[in-house]
Every structure is written in C-alpha cells, then in structure tokens.
Amino acid sequence: MKYLTVRDHLRALIDDGLGVGHAIPSERELCEHFGVSRMTVRQAVDALVVEGLLERVQGRGTFVAQPKVDLQLRLVSFPEEMRRRGMEPSLRVLAAESVAAPPHVADALDLPPGVDVHYLRRLRLADGLPMAVEENWVPAMLAPELLGADPAPSVYEALTARGLAPTWGEDVIEAVLLEAEVAGHLGLTEATAGLQIRRRTFSGDLAVDYAVSIYRADRYSLWVPVSAPGPTLVPSRRRLRSTAGGHTPREEGLP
C-alpha cells in the first residue's frame, strides 16, 4: 500500500535524528516526492499520530512528538521508575496534612470511617516536565513521621523503612478528562485526556496505601503484561483499631 511507503519514510526521518518539535515535510512535498495523493499522505501521517510519533498543531503543522513513557504497572515509586528510565525525578508538594479518612478512603484501606490518615498531594515531574498529579492516603498509625517538616518523596520507601514493604497491589485504570485545576498543574488545557490509576497497595494482607494518580496521556502509554489465569488474590480483612496504649493493627476474620 502506498501510504506505508510514506509512513516508513517519515519514521526513518525520526529515527535518523529529526528531533522533537521539528516539522515534517509538508503534504505538498511528500505528494511530489512519492507521486501520491494528499489523502495517501494524510493516511500515513495519521498512522504516526496514533502511534504517538507525530503531533498536529492546529494552524501550524505536524511535528515530531515528545516520546511517551511506557507506563508499566509495578510496585515501585515514581522516583525509582523515572531514574530507571534515565530521567531525573522531582516533585512539588501541593498538600500534606493529617485528615479523618473519608468514607471511600476508609473503605479502600479497610479502616473504620474517620480514622486519621496522612494525605499527600504532589505534582510529579521528570526532567522538569510535569508528568502526573498524585494523591496518597496512608494510615497515620503506620507511618506517623511520613509528613514531617519535609514530606517523604517516596511513600513506598517510607513504609519499607518501617518494615511494611509493599508486596502486592490492585489497580483500577480509567481514561478521564482533566479538570481545570489538574490540567493547570500539568501544563495542559481543561478537558484534555488523562490516564487515572487508583491503586490499593498491601504489605502482606495489610492495606498500607491508597493512591489516585492522574497522568498526562500525551506522555504515557500503558504497557501491561498478561498471563494465563491464576488464583485470585483476596486479602484477609484487616481493621486497624486504636487501643488505650496506642495504635496497633488487629486482624479480623472474613465475614
């Protein structure tokens, strides 16, 4: 098919060093070079836009897009994941406070409603580029020093330091339209597409963290390995009760 020849030519230009933000040859130039119609050229360009290699800017043209990060779902902190990819992580703290657990948070953490939790809201950056707005709720009794004067950059590292290393989790992934405030933090316009991941993280059968992260969809693609079905992971129900001498976890049986 003729459009494949044009597509492969454009991909080769990118592979050979046509940098991020550089314009590709015009439709007219491509039509004349390959002796094809504008419809064929547009089909080739459309294919690379879908792949994330190119992006159209209304009124300006088509340019080489910023490479996407393949977001593999794994129990690692954002800083660790970005360093693994050769990028320098940083953050901006948007909120850090102890609050009474809202009903949906209490349910996610297997806590009685109203128990104190540490709430963190942070803007995550990689190489200075805003990547995600991340919210975490952690039972205050599990990591009493999590907030401190300078909130820990990694909730997972803080939990591990207290003998509560994350061992497994469960994610709910949804496409969302960014609200104005979140879009502003990410340097995008309102109603831009985003990727939301809600995660419950466990250490053994104890829920230690509930997180809601919203990633900018123009910088992430989701990579999920799959395998044959296995046993379903179902954590024992565990409630954290306060005692007169302090806060200690106590396990309850399944209903």
Protein backbone atom coordinates (compact mmCIF):
# COMPACT_ATOMS: atom_id res chain seq x y z
CA MET A 1 0.00 0.00 0.00
CA LYS A 2 1.38 3.41 -0.97
CA TYR A 3 0.71 5.05 2.37
CA LEU A 4 3.03 2.52 4.07
CA THR A 5 5.94 3.78 1.95
CA VAL A 6 5.29 7.36 3.10
CA ARG A 7 4.80 6.25 6.71
CA ASP A 8 8.07 4.30 6.75
CA HIS A 9 9.91 7.25 5.20
CA LEU A 10 8.67 9.59 7.93
CA ARG A 11 9.53 7.06 10.62
CA ALA A 12 13.04 6.78 9.19
CA LEU A 13 13.43 10.57 9.32
CA ILE A 14 12.57 10.47 13.04
CA ASP A 15 14.90 7.52 13.69
CA ASP A 16 17.73 9.27 11.84
CA GLY A 17 17.56 12.34 14.04
CA LEU A 18 14.61 14.57 13.18
CA GLY A 19 14.26 15.99 16.68
CA VAL A 20 11.31 16.61 18.97
CA GLY A 21 9.43 19.73 17.88
CA HIS A 22 10.77 19.70 14.32
CA ALA A 23 8.28 19.90 11.48
CA ILE A 24 7.97 17.06 8.98
CA PRO A 25 7.97 17.78 5.24
CA SER A 26 4.76 19.40 4.02
CA GLU A 27 1.96 17.42 2.41
CA ARG A 28 2.81 19.04 -0.92
CA GLU A 29 6.48 17.99 -0.68
CA LEU A 30 5.55 14.42 0.22
CA CYS A 31 2.98 14.19 -2.57
CA GLU A 32 5.52 15.37 -5.15
CA HIS A 33 8.32 13.16 -3.80
CA PHE A 34 6.29 9.94 -3.78
CA GLY A 35 3.81 10.73 -6.56
CA VAL A 36 0.80 10.09 -4.33
CA SER A 37 -2.37 11.93 -3.40
CA ARG A 38 -2.85 14.11 -0.32
CA MET A 39 -5.26 11.51 1.04
CA THR A 40 -2.46 8.92 0.96
CA VAL A 41 -0.06 11.29 2.75
CA ARG A 42 -2.64 12.10 5.39
CA GLN A 43 -3.25 8.39 5.98
CA ALA A 44 0.47 7.90 6.59
CA VAL A 45 0.67 10.87 8.93
CA ASP A 46 -2.48 9.76 10.78
CA ALA A 47 -0.87 6.38 11.48
CA LEU A 48 2.16 8.04 13.10
CA VAL A 49 -0.02 10.43 15.09
CA VAL A 50 -1.89 7.44 16.51
CA GLU A 51 1.47 5.82 17.40
CA GLY A 52 2.47 9.00 19.25
CA LEU A 53 5.45 9.74 17.00
CA LEU A 54 3.88 12.86 15.49
CA GLU A 55 1.50 15.53 16.74
CA ARG A 56 -0.60 18.04 14.84
CA VAL A 57 -0.71 21.65 15.99
CA GLN A 58 -3.71 23.49 14.59
CA GLY A 59 -2.70 26.31 12.29
CA ARG A 60 0.99 25.41 12.40
CA GLY A 61 1.58 21.95 11.01
CA THR A 62 2.72 18.49 12.07
CA PHE A 63 5.74 17.99 14.31
CA VAL A 64 7.78 15.23 15.92
CA ALA A 65 6.16 14.49 19.27
CA GLN A 66 7.79 14.17 22.67
CA PRO A 67 8.42 10.44 23.25
CA LYS A 68 5.94 8.72 25.52
CA VAL A 69 6.95 6.86 28.66
CA ASP A 70 5.65 3.31 28.64
CA LEU A 71 3.92 3.10 32.00
CA GLN A 72 4.41 -0.46 33.22
CA LEU A 73 2.32 -1.23 36.27
CA ARG A 74 4.67 -2.29 39.03
CA LEU A 75 5.11 -1.64 42.73
CA VAL A 76 7.88 0.93 42.52
CA SER A 77 7.94 4.59 43.46
CA PHE A 78 7.77 7.32 40.83
CA PRO A 79 11.38 8.47 41.53
CA GLU A 80 12.69 4.91 41.18
CA GLU A 81 10.77 4.35 37.94
CA MET A 82 11.98 7.60 36.36
CA ARG A 83 15.62 7.02 37.34
CA ARG A 84 15.39 3.54 35.82
CA ARG A 85 14.46 5.26 32.56
CA GLY A 86 17.37 7.69 32.76
CA MET A 87 15.20 10.67 33.77
CA GLU A 88 15.65 12.92 36.79
CA PRO A 89 12.56 12.96 39.04
CA SER A 90 11.41 15.92 41.11
CA LEU A 91 8.22 16.93 42.85
CA ARG A 92 6.16 19.84 44.08
CA VAL A 93 4.12 19.31 47.24
CA LEU A 94 0.56 20.56 46.76
CA ALA A 95 -0.85 19.34 50.10
CA ALA A 96 0.45 17.45 53.13
CA GLU A 97 -1.82 17.02 56.14
CA SER A 98 -3.42 14.54 58.52
CA VAL A 99 -7.17 14.19 57.99
CA ALA A 100 -10.07 11.99 59.02
CA ALA A 101 -10.40 9.26 56.40
CA PRO A 102 -13.30 9.99 54.01
CA PRO A 103 -15.65 7.00 53.56
CA HIS A 104 -14.19 5.89 50.21
CA VAL A 105 -10.64 6.08 51.57
CA ALA A 106 -11.55 4.22 54.76
CA ASP A 107 -13.15 1.52 52.64
CA ALA A 108 -10.10 1.23 50.37
CA LEU A 109 -7.76 0.92 53.38
CA ASP A 110 -10.04 -1.40 55.40
CA LEU A 111 -10.28 1.22 58.14
CA PRO A 112 -13.17 2.38 60.31
CA PRO A 113 -14.53 5.70 58.93
CA GLY A 114 -12.91 8.77 60.42
CA VAL A 115 -9.59 7.15 61.43
CA ASP A 116 -6.64 9.51 60.94
CA VAL A 117 -4.77 9.16 57.66
CA HIS A 118 -1.86 11.09 56.21
CA TYR A 119 -2.85 12.81 52.96
CA LEU A 120 -0.25 13.79 50.37
CA ARG A 121 -0.90 15.51 47.06
CA ARG A 122 2.08 16.06 44.82
CA LEU A 123 2.96 17.11 41.30
CA ARG A 124 5.43 14.63 39.84
CA LEU A 125 7.99 15.81 37.27
CA ALA A 126 10.64 14.08 35.16
CA ASP A 127 13.47 16.12 33.65
CA GLY A 128 11.46 19.17 34.71
CA LEU A 129 8.35 18.17 32.73
CA PRO A 130 5.09 17.75 34.70
CA MET A 131 4.02 14.11 34.40
CA ALA A 132 1.34 13.36 36.98
CA VAL A 133 -0.69 14.64 39.90
CA GLU A 134 -0.55 12.03 42.63
CA GLU A 135 -2.64 11.68 45.80
CA ASN A 136 -1.83 9.24 48.62
CA TRP A 137 -3.65 8.29 51.81
CA VAL A 138 -1.66 6.28 54.37
CA PRO A 139 -2.97 5.17 57.80
CA ALA A 140 -1.33 7.62 60.23
CA MET A 141 -0.58 4.87 62.75
CA LEU A 142 1.54 3.00 60.20
CA ALA A 143 3.86 5.89 59.30
CA PRO A 144 3.49 8.64 61.94
CA GLU A 145 6.53 10.54 60.62
CA LEU A 146 5.52 10.42 56.94
CA LEU A 147 4.70 14.12 56.71
CA GLY A 148 7.27 15.77 58.98
CA ALA A 149 8.83 19.10 58.05
CA ASP A 150 9.70 17.75 54.60
CA PRO A 151 7.28 15.06 53.34
CA ALA A 152 8.95 11.88 52.16
CA PRO A 153 9.47 11.85 48.37
CA SER A 154 8.50 8.17 48.27
CA VAL A 155 5.64 6.69 50.29
CA TYR A 156 6.88 3.18 49.44
CA GLU A 157 10.35 3.90 50.79
CA ALA A 158 8.89 5.39 53.98
CA LEU A 159 6.72 2.31 54.51
CA THR A 160 9.63 -0.05 53.77
CA ALA A 161 11.73 1.74 56.39
CA ARG A 162 9.05 0.84 58.96
CA GLY A 163 9.02 -2.83 57.98
CA LEU A 164 5.95 -2.50 55.76
CA ALA A 165 7.44 -3.02 52.31
CA PRO A 166 4.71 -3.16 49.62
CA THR A 167 4.30 -6.70 48.34
CA TRP A 168 1.30 -6.50 46.02
CA GLY A 169 -1.48 -4.20 44.90
CA GLU A 170 -4.52 -3.79 42.71
CA ASP A 171 -5.19 -1.06 40.15
CA VAL A 172 -8.28 0.42 38.55
CA ILE A 173 -7.41 2.24 35.32
CA GLU A 174 -9.67 4.77 33.62
CA ALA A 175 -9.49 7.38 30.90
CA VAL A 176 -10.55 10.79 32.23
CA LEU A 177 -10.95 14.36 31.04
CA LEU A 178 -8.74 16.65 33.09
CA GLU A 179 -10.41 19.19 35.35
CA ALA A 180 -9.10 22.74 35.09
CA GLU A 181 -7.02 22.64 38.28
CA VAL A 182 -5.26 19.36 37.45
CA ALA A 183 -4.75 20.41 33.83
CA GLY A 184 -3.12 23.63 35.04
CA HIS A 185 -0.59 21.71 37.14
CA LEU A 186 0.24 19.50 34.15
CA GLY A 187 0.57 22.43 31.75
CA LEU A 188 -2.41 21.31 29.68
CA THR A 189 -5.81 22.69 28.80
CA GLU A 190 -9.03 21.72 30.56
CA ALA A 191 -10.80 18.59 29.24
CA THR A 192 -7.56 17.17 27.80
CA ALA A 193 -7.44 13.38 28.02
CA GLY A 194 -5.68 11.90 31.03
CA LEU A 195 -4.98 8.46 32.46
CA GLN A 196 -6.20 7.84 36.02
CA ILE A 197 -4.92 4.94 38.11
CA ARG A 198 -6.45 4.15 41.51
CA ARG A 199 -4.25 1.77 43.48
CA ARG A 200 -4.59 -0.10 46.75
CA THR A 201 -1.20 -1.27 47.99
CA PHE A 202 -0.70 -4.06 50.52
CA SER A 203 2.11 -5.29 52.71
CA GLY A 204 1.14 -8.91 53.15
CA ASP A 205 -2.59 -8.69 53.83
CA LEU A 206 -2.44 -5.22 55.37
CA ALA A 207 -3.61 -2.25 53.25
CA VAL A 208 -0.87 0.38 53.63
CA ASP A 209 -1.59 2.95 50.92
CA TYR A 210 -4.43 4.15 48.71
CA ALA A 211 -3.39 6.32 45.78
CA VAL A 212 -5.09 8.15 42.93
CA SER A 213 -2.71 9.29 40.20
CA ILE A 214 -3.61 11.21 37.06
CA TYR A 215 -1.04 11.01 34.28
CA ARG A 216 -0.91 13.16 31.17
CA ALA A 217 -1.94 10.90 28.31
CA ASP A 218 0.32 12.64 25.80
CA ARG A 219 3.40 11.47 27.69
CA TYR A 220 2.38 7.96 28.72
CA SER A 221 1.41 4.75 27.03
CA LEU A 222 0.25 1.87 29.20
CA TRP A 223 2.16 -1.41 28.97
CA VAL A 224 0.54 -4.35 30.74
CA PRO A 225 2.00 -7.90 30.63
CA VAL A 226 -0.62 -10.63 30.59
CA SER A 227 -0.52 -14.30 31.53
CA ALA A 228 -2.80 -17.29 31.88
CA PRO A 229 -5.40 -17.01 34.67
CA GLY A 230 -4.25 -17.93 38.16
CA PRO A 231 -5.71 -17.91 41.66
CA THR A 232 -7.48 -14.67 42.55
CA LEU A 233 -5.70 -12.63 45.22
CA VAL A 234 -8.12 -11.75 48.01
CA PRO A 235 -6.64 -10.06 51.10
CA SER A 236 -7.81 -11.04 54.56
CA ARG A 237 -9.94 -8.30 56.01
CA ARG A 238 -7.85 -6.41 58.48
CA ARG A 239 -9.01 -3.46 60.54
CA LEU A 240 -6.82 -1.06 62.38
CA ARG A 241 -8.19 -0.32 65.83
CA SER A 242 -6.87 2.14 68.38
CA THR A 243 -6.07 0.93 71.88
CA ALA A 244 -5.54 2.80 75.09
CA GLY A 245 -1.79 2.30 74.81
CA GLY A 246 -1.53 3.49 71.22
CA HIS A 247 -2.46 2.34 67.74
CA THR A 248 -1.87 -1.29 66.83
CA PRO A 249 -3.24 -3.35 63.94
CA ARG A 250 -5.61 -6.20 64.72
CA GLU A 251 -6.75 -8.77 62.18
CA GLU A 252 -10.38 -9.71 61.90
CA GLY A 253 -11.77 -12.76 60.17
CA LEU A 254 -13.66 -12.73 56.92
CA PRO A 255 -17.39 -12.07 57.27
